[in-house]
């Protein structure tokens, strides 16, 4: 019974404890808001990422029939044009130690009216992040009006000669048409 009374007594530290709890709640709230902002900026508007759809691709910059904005399964985004067998665009990666947009260039061919075979290279070096000493080359195909560019890629990153085996990684991406 005595211990119960002691628990119900007001401790001289109650005000200090309440202030500590208020500070903790304030810090927790700030942390949650920052997390939401970070997630929101990492995964921009799904229908118009980075407002890239605001400026449509002109017909004279779409010889390949698939120029525009595309997003892969990891939320990386690219916008490109294609003229006379050449591709030019910008790429935003949602993964790795890189940030901002990176210019890229490549080539395309159309073996038939509805199929585009294409390849492009990004050198991960920009004003925002600097030189990450890596490049990635994608090679892919788009069938008809499927809305997907199926690709395989090779990422080459600098390592000293003793670690040559670590320099290249291979995988695949599927890019879906955004606009």
C-alpha atoms as a PDB file:
ATOM      1  CA  UNK A   1       0.000   0.000   0.000  1.00  0.00           C
ATOM      2  CA  UNK A   2       2.834   2.361   0.793  1.00  0.00           C
ATOM      3  CA  UNK A   3       4.411   1.734  -2.587  1.00  0.00           C
ATOM      4  CA  UNK A   4       1.078   2.612  -4.271  1.00  0.00           C
ATOM      5  CA  UNK A   5       0.928   5.917  -2.452  1.00  0.00           C
ATOM      6  CA  UNK A   6       4.457   6.698  -3.453  1.00  0.00           C
ATOM      7  CA  UNK A   7       3.586   6.094  -7.102  1.00  0.00           C
ATOM      8  CA  UNK A   8       0.665   8.522  -6.896  1.00  0.00           C
ATOM      9  CA  UNK A   9       2.680  11.229  -5.185  1.00  0.00           C
ATOM     10  CA  UNK A  10       3.855  14.065  -7.371  1.00  0.00           C
ATOM     11  CA  UNK A  11       7.557  13.787  -7.862  1.00  0.00           C
ATOM     12  CA  UNK A  12       9.663  16.921  -7.872  1.00  0.00           C
ATOM     13  CA  UNK A  13      10.958  15.740 -11.252  1.00  0.00           C
ATOM     14  CA  UNK A  14       7.479  15.565 -12.849  1.00  0.00           C
ATOM     15  CA  UNK A  15       7.797  18.975 -14.530  1.00  0.00           C
ATOM     16  CA  UNK A  16      11.278  18.115 -15.742  1.00  0.00           C
ATOM     17  CA  UNK A  17      10.050  14.725 -17.003  1.00  0.00           C
ATOM     18  CA  UNK A  18       7.127  16.405 -18.769  1.00  0.00           C
ATOM     19  CA  UNK A  19       9.517  18.852 -20.449  1.00  0.00           C
ATOM     20  CA  UNK A  20      11.752  15.973 -21.514  1.00  0.00           C
ATOM     21  CA  UNK A  21       8.753  14.123 -22.949  1.00  0.00           C
ATOM     22  CA  UNK A  22       7.639  17.265 -24.805  1.00  0.00           C
ATOM     23  CA  UNK A  23      11.121  17.640 -26.302  1.00  0.00           C
ATOM     24  CA  UNK A  24      11.180  13.963 -27.271  1.00  0.00           C
ATOM     25  CA  UNK A  25       7.757  14.260 -28.945  1.00  0.00           C
ATOM     26  CA  UNK A  26       8.902  17.390 -30.762  1.00  0.00           C
ATOM     27  CA  UNK A  27      12.052  15.636 -31.998  1.00  0.00           C
ATOM     28  CA  UNK A  28      10.031  12.577 -33.019  1.00  0.00           C
ATOM     29  CA  UNK A  29       7.552  14.759 -34.925  1.00  0.00           C
ATOM     30  CA  UNK A  30      10.381  16.573 -36.725  1.00  0.00           C
ATOM     31  CA  UNK A  31      11.995  13.257 -37.569  1.00  0.00           C
ATOM     32  CA  UNK A  32       8.751  11.913 -39.042  1.00  0.00           C
ATOM     33  CA  UNK A  33       8.185  15.085 -41.096  1.00  0.00           C
ATOM     34  CA  UNK A  34      11.767  14.976 -42.428  1.00  0.00           C
ATOM     35  CA  UNK A  35      11.342  11.305 -43.320  1.00  0.00           C
ATOM     36  CA  UNK A  36       8.142  12.046 -45.233  1.00  0.00           C
ATOM     37  CA  UNK A  37       9.801  14.946 -47.072  1.00  0.00           C
ATOM     38  CA  UNK A  38      12.779  12.756 -47.948  1.00  0.00           C
ATOM     39  CA  UNK A  39      10.575   9.946 -49.240  1.00  0.00           C
ATOM     40  CA  UNK A  40       8.434  12.410 -51.196  1.00  0.00           C
ATOM     41  CA  UNK A  41      11.456  14.000 -52.877  1.00  0.00           C
ATOM     42  CA  UNK A  42      13.056  10.612 -53.591  1.00  0.00           C
ATOM     43  CA  UNK A  43       9.893   9.417 -55.349  1.00  0.00           C
ATOM     44  CA  UNK A  44       8.496  12.412 -57.204  1.00  0.00           C
ATOM     45  CA  UNK A  45       4.975  12.702 -58.548  1.00  0.00           C
ATOM     46  CA  UNK A  46       4.232   9.378 -60.224  1.00  0.00           C
ATOM     47  CA  UNK A  47       2.274  10.948 -63.097  1.00  0.00           C
ATOM     48  CA  UNK A  48       4.742  13.774 -63.870  1.00  0.00           C
ATOM     49  CA  UNK A  49       8.127  13.167 -62.191  1.00  0.00           C
ATOM     50  CA  UNK A  50      10.164  16.363 -61.811  1.00  0.00           C
ATOM     51  CA  UNK A  51       7.563  18.087 -64.020  1.00  0.00           C
ATOM     52  CA  UNK A  52       9.245  16.463 -67.023  1.00  0.00           C
ATOM     53  CA  UNK A  53       5.905  15.970 -68.770  1.00  0.00           C
ATOM     54  CA  UNK A  54       5.197  19.708 -68.795  1.00  0.00           C
ATOM     55  CA  UNK A  55       7.178  20.114 -72.027  1.00  0.00           C
ATOM     56  CA  UNK A  56       6.079  17.494 -74.561  1.00  0.00           C
ATOM     57  CA  UNK A  57       8.523  16.008 -77.062  1.00  0.00           C
ATOM     58  CA  UNK A  58       8.009  17.606 -80.509  1.00  0.00           C
ATOM     59  CA  UNK A  59       7.266  15.201 -83.372  1.00  0.00           C
ATOM     60  CA  UNK A  60      10.494  16.168 -85.145  1.00  0.00           C
ATOM     61  CA  UNK A  61      12.455  14.905 -82.072  1.00  0.00           C
ATOM     62  CA  UNK A  62      10.722  11.504 -81.991  1.00  0.00           C
ATOM     63  CA  UNK A  63      11.985   9.518 -84.990  1.00  0.00           C
ATOM     64  CA  UNK A  64      12.060   6.340 -82.874  1.00  0.00           C
ATOM     65  CA  UNK A  65       8.402   6.685 -81.853  1.00  0.00           C
ATOM     66  CA  UNK A  66       9.112   6.216 -78.132  1.00  0.00           C
ATOM     67  CA  UNK A  67      10.788   9.494 -77.084  1.00  0.00           C
ATOM     68  CA  UNK A  68       9.499  10.878 -73.803  1.00  0.00           C
ATOM     69  CA  UNK A  69       9.684  10.236 -70.073  1.00  0.00           C
ATOM     70  CA  UNK A  70      10.286   6.704 -68.761  1.00  0.00           C
ATOM     71  CA  UNK A  71      10.659   5.244 -65.237  1.00  0.00           C
ATOM     72  CA  UNK A  72      12.158   1.918 -64.175  1.00  0.00           C
ATOM     73  CA  UNK A  73      11.182  -0.423 -61.342  1.00  0.00           C
ATOM     74  CA  UNK A  74      13.575   1.353 -58.926  1.00  0.00           C
ATOM     75  CA  UNK A  75      12.017   4.779 -59.676  1.00  0.00           C
ATOM     76  CA  UNK A  76      14.922   6.075 -61.771  1.00  0.00           C
ATOM     77  CA  UNK A  77      13.623   8.435 -64.463  1.00  0.00           C
ATOM     78  CA  UNK A  78      14.836   9.424 -67.918  1.00  0.00           C
ATOM     79  CA  UNK A  79      13.644  11.766 -70.635  1.00  0.00           C
ATOM     80  CA  UNK A  80      15.016  11.486 -74.141  1.00  0.00           C
ATOM     81  CA  UNK A  81      14.600  12.523 -77.753  1.00  0.00           C
ATOM     82  CA  UNK A  82      15.614  10.526 -80.837  1.00  0.00           C
ATOM     83  CA  UNK A  83      16.562  11.962 -84.206  1.00  0.00           C
ATOM     84  CA  UNK A  84      18.282  10.333 -87.204  1.00  0.00           C
ATOM     85  CA  UNK A  85      19.459   7.276 -85.252  1.00  0.00           C
ATOM     86  CA  UNK A  86      20.733   9.260 -82.238  1.00  0.00           C
ATOM     87  CA  UNK A  87      19.310   9.418 -78.712  1.00  0.00           C
ATOM     88  CA  UNK A  88      19.941  12.294 -76.293  1.00  0.00           C
ATOM     89  CA  UNK A  89      18.484  12.812 -72.863  1.00  0.00           C
ATOM     90  CA  UNK A  90      18.785  13.157 -69.130  1.00  0.00           C
ATOM     91  CA  UNK A  91      18.766  10.428 -66.506  1.00  0.00           C
ATOM     92  CA  UNK A  92      17.948  10.665 -62.793  1.00  0.00           C
ATOM     93  CA  UNK A  93      19.015   7.665 -60.747  1.00  0.00           C
ATOM     94  CA  UNK A  94      17.091   6.767 -57.616  1.00  0.00           C
ATOM     95  CA  UNK A  95      19.842   4.410 -56.395  1.00  0.00           C
ATOM     96  CA  UNK A  96      23.542   4.479 -55.562  1.00  0.00           C
ATOM     97  CA  UNK A  97      25.830   7.336 -54.646  1.00  0.00           C
ATOM     98  CA  UNK A  98      24.565   9.807 -57.209  1.00  0.00           C
ATOM     99  CA  UNK A  99      22.087  12.654 -57.307  1.00  0.00           C
ATOM    100  CA  UNK A 100      20.639  15.059 -59.835  1.00  0.00           C
ATOM    101  CA  UNK A 101      20.316  14.641 -63.589  1.00  0.00           C
ATOM    102  CA  UNK A 102      22.987  13.142 -65.829  1.00  0.00           C
ATOM    103  CA  UNK A 103      23.196  13.662 -69.578  1.00  0.00           C
ATOM    104  CA  UNK A 104      23.235  10.601 -71.796  1.00  0.00           C
ATOM    105  CA  UNK A 105      23.591   9.741 -75.444  1.00  0.00           C
ATOM    106  CA  UNK A 106      23.040   6.643 -77.533  1.00  0.00           C
ATOM    107  CA  UNK A 107      21.795   5.125 -80.748  1.00  0.00           C
ATOM    108  CA  UNK A 108      18.620   3.478 -81.980  1.00  0.00           C
ATOM    109  CA  UNK A 109      17.446   1.376 -84.896  1.00  0.00           C
ATOM    110  CA  UNK A 110      13.999   0.326 -86.012  1.00  0.00           C
ATOM    111  CA  UNK A 111      14.015  -3.163 -87.567  1.00  0.00           C
ATOM    112  CA  UNK A 112      10.308  -2.735 -88.315  1.00  0.00           C
ATOM    113  CA  UNK A 113       7.679  -0.036 -87.936  1.00  0.00           C
ATOM    114  CA  UNK A 114       6.709  -1.040 -84.376  1.00  0.00           C
ATOM    115  CA  UNK A 115      10.010  -2.126 -82.796  1.00  0.00           C
ATOM    116  CA  UNK A 116      12.849   0.025 -81.496  1.00  0.00           C
ATOM    117  CA  UNK A 117      16.262  -1.385 -80.566  1.00  0.00           C
ATOM    118  CA  UNK A 118      18.291   1.109 -78.559  1.00  0.00           C
ATOM    119  CA  UNK A 119      21.319   1.641 -76.367  1.00  0.00           C
ATOM    120  CA  UNK A 120      22.632   4.572 -74.325  1.00  0.00           C
ATOM    121  CA  UNK A 121      25.394   5.442 -71.870  1.00  0.00           C
ATOM    122  CA  UNK A 122      25.403   7.613 -68.726  1.00  0.00           C
ATOM    123  CA  UNK A 123      28.686   8.858 -67.280  1.00  0.00           C
ATOM    124  CA  UNK A 124      27.870   9.649 -63.649  1.00  0.00           C
ATOM    125  CA  UNK A 125      29.491  13.047 -63.459  1.00  0.00           C
ATOM    126  CA  UNK A 126      27.437  16.219 -62.882  1.00  0.00           C
ATOM    127  CA  UNK A 127      27.662  19.593 -61.155  1.00  0.00           C
ATOM    128  CA  UNK A 128      25.503  18.546 -58.206  1.00  0.00           C
ATOM    129  CA  UNK A 129      27.374  15.396 -57.153  1.00  0.00           C
ATOM    130  CA  UNK A 130      30.629  15.541 -59.090  1.00  0.00           C
ATOM    131  CA  UNK A 131      32.440  12.580 -60.570  1.00  0.00           C
ATOM    132  CA  UNK A 132      31.473   9.178 -59.226  1.00  0.00           C
ATOM    133  CA  UNK A 133      33.986   7.462 -61.547  1.00  0.00           C
ATOM    134  CA  UNK A 134      31.379   5.184 -63.068  1.00  0.00           C
ATOM    135  CA  UNK A 135      29.423   4.681 -66.265  1.00  0.00           C
ATOM    136  CA  UNK A 136      26.410   2.572 -67.113  1.00  0.00           C
ATOM    137  CA  UNK A 137      25.462   1.315 -70.565  1.00  0.00           C
ATOM    138  CA  UNK A 138      21.930   0.067 -71.289  1.00  0.00           C
ATOM    139  CA  UNK A 139      20.958  -2.037 -74.277  1.00  0.00           C
ATOM    140  CA  UNK A 140      17.290  -2.688 -74.844  1.00  0.00           C
ATOM    141  CA  UNK A 141      14.271  -3.227 -77.023  1.00  0.00           C
ATOM    142  CA  UNK A 142      10.754  -1.813 -77.201  1.00  0.00           C
ATOM    143  CA  UNK A 143       8.074  -3.934 -78.891  1.00  0.00           C
ATOM    144  CA  UNK A 144       5.127  -2.242 -80.560  1.00  0.00           C
ATOM    145  CA  UNK A 145       2.827  -0.285 -78.319  1.00  0.00           C
ATOM    146  CA  UNK A 146       3.781  -2.282 -75.216  1.00  0.00           C
ATOM    147  CA  UNK A 147       4.933   0.778 -73.255  1.00  0.00           C
ATOM    148  CA  UNK A 148       8.005  -0.994 -71.829  1.00  0.00           C
ATOM    149  CA  UNK A 149      11.671  -0.740 -72.762  1.00  0.00           C
ATOM    150  CA  UNK A 150      13.283  -4.043 -71.727  1.00  0.00           C
ATOM    151  CA  UNK A 151      16.998  -3.538 -71.014  1.00  0.00           C
ATOM    152  CA  UNK A 152      20.149  -5.136 -69.681  1.00  0.00           C
ATOM    153  CA  UNK A 153      22.865  -2.908 -68.281  1.00  0.00           C
ATOM    154  CA  UNK A 154      26.541  -2.920 -67.391  1.00  0.00           C
ATOM    155  CA  UNK A 155      27.758  -0.606 -64.644  1.00  0.00           C
ATOM    156  CA  UNK A 156      31.507  -0.051 -64.564  1.00  0.00           C
ATOM    157  CA  UNK A 157      32.983   1.631 -61.501  1.00  0.00           C
ATOM    158  CA  UNK A 158      36.597   2.504 -60.801  1.00  0.00           C
ATOM    159  CA  UNK A 159      38.565   0.191 -58.518  1.00  0.00           C
ATOM    160  CA  UNK A 160      42.350  -0.192 -58.389  1.00  0.00           C
ATOM    161  CA  UNK A 161      43.795  -2.862 -60.717  1.00  0.00           C
ATOM    162  CA  UNK A 162      44.113  -5.345 -57.841  1.00  0.00           C
ATOM    163  CA  UNK A 163      40.286  -5.325 -57.610  1.00  0.00           C
ATOM    164  CA  UNK A 164      39.549  -5.550 -61.333  1.00  0.00           C
ATOM    165  CA  UNK A 165      36.967  -8.261 -60.640  1.00  0.00           C
ATOM    166  CA  UNK A 166      34.826  -5.658 -58.781  1.00  0.00           C
ATOM    167  CA  UNK A 167      34.664  -3.099 -61.598  1.00  0.00           C
ATOM    168  CA  UNK A 168      31.617  -4.330 -63.537  1.00  0.00           C
ATOM    169  CA  UNK A 169      28.091  -5.274 -62.480  1.00  0.00           C
ATOM    170  CA  UNK A 170      25.355  -6.547 -64.813  1.00  0.00           C
ATOM    171  CA  UNK A 171      21.593  -6.544 -64.342  1.00  0.00           C
ATOM    172  CA  UNK A 172      18.356  -5.521 -66.078  1.00  0.00           C
ATOM    173  CA  UNK A 173      15.751  -2.747 -65.946  1.00  0.00           C
ATOM    174  CA  UNK A 174      12.272  -2.431 -67.406  1.00  0.00           C
ATOM    175  CA  UNK A 175      11.345   1.177 -68.150  1.00  0.00           C
ATOM    176  CA  UNK A 176       7.657   2.052 -68.291  1.00  0.00           C
ATOM    177  CA  UNK A 177       6.358   5.006 -70.293  1.00  0.00           C
ATOM    178  CA  UNK A 178       5.233   7.952 -68.145  1.00  0.00           C
ATOM    179  CA  UNK A 179       4.452  10.503 -70.845  1.00  0.00           C
END
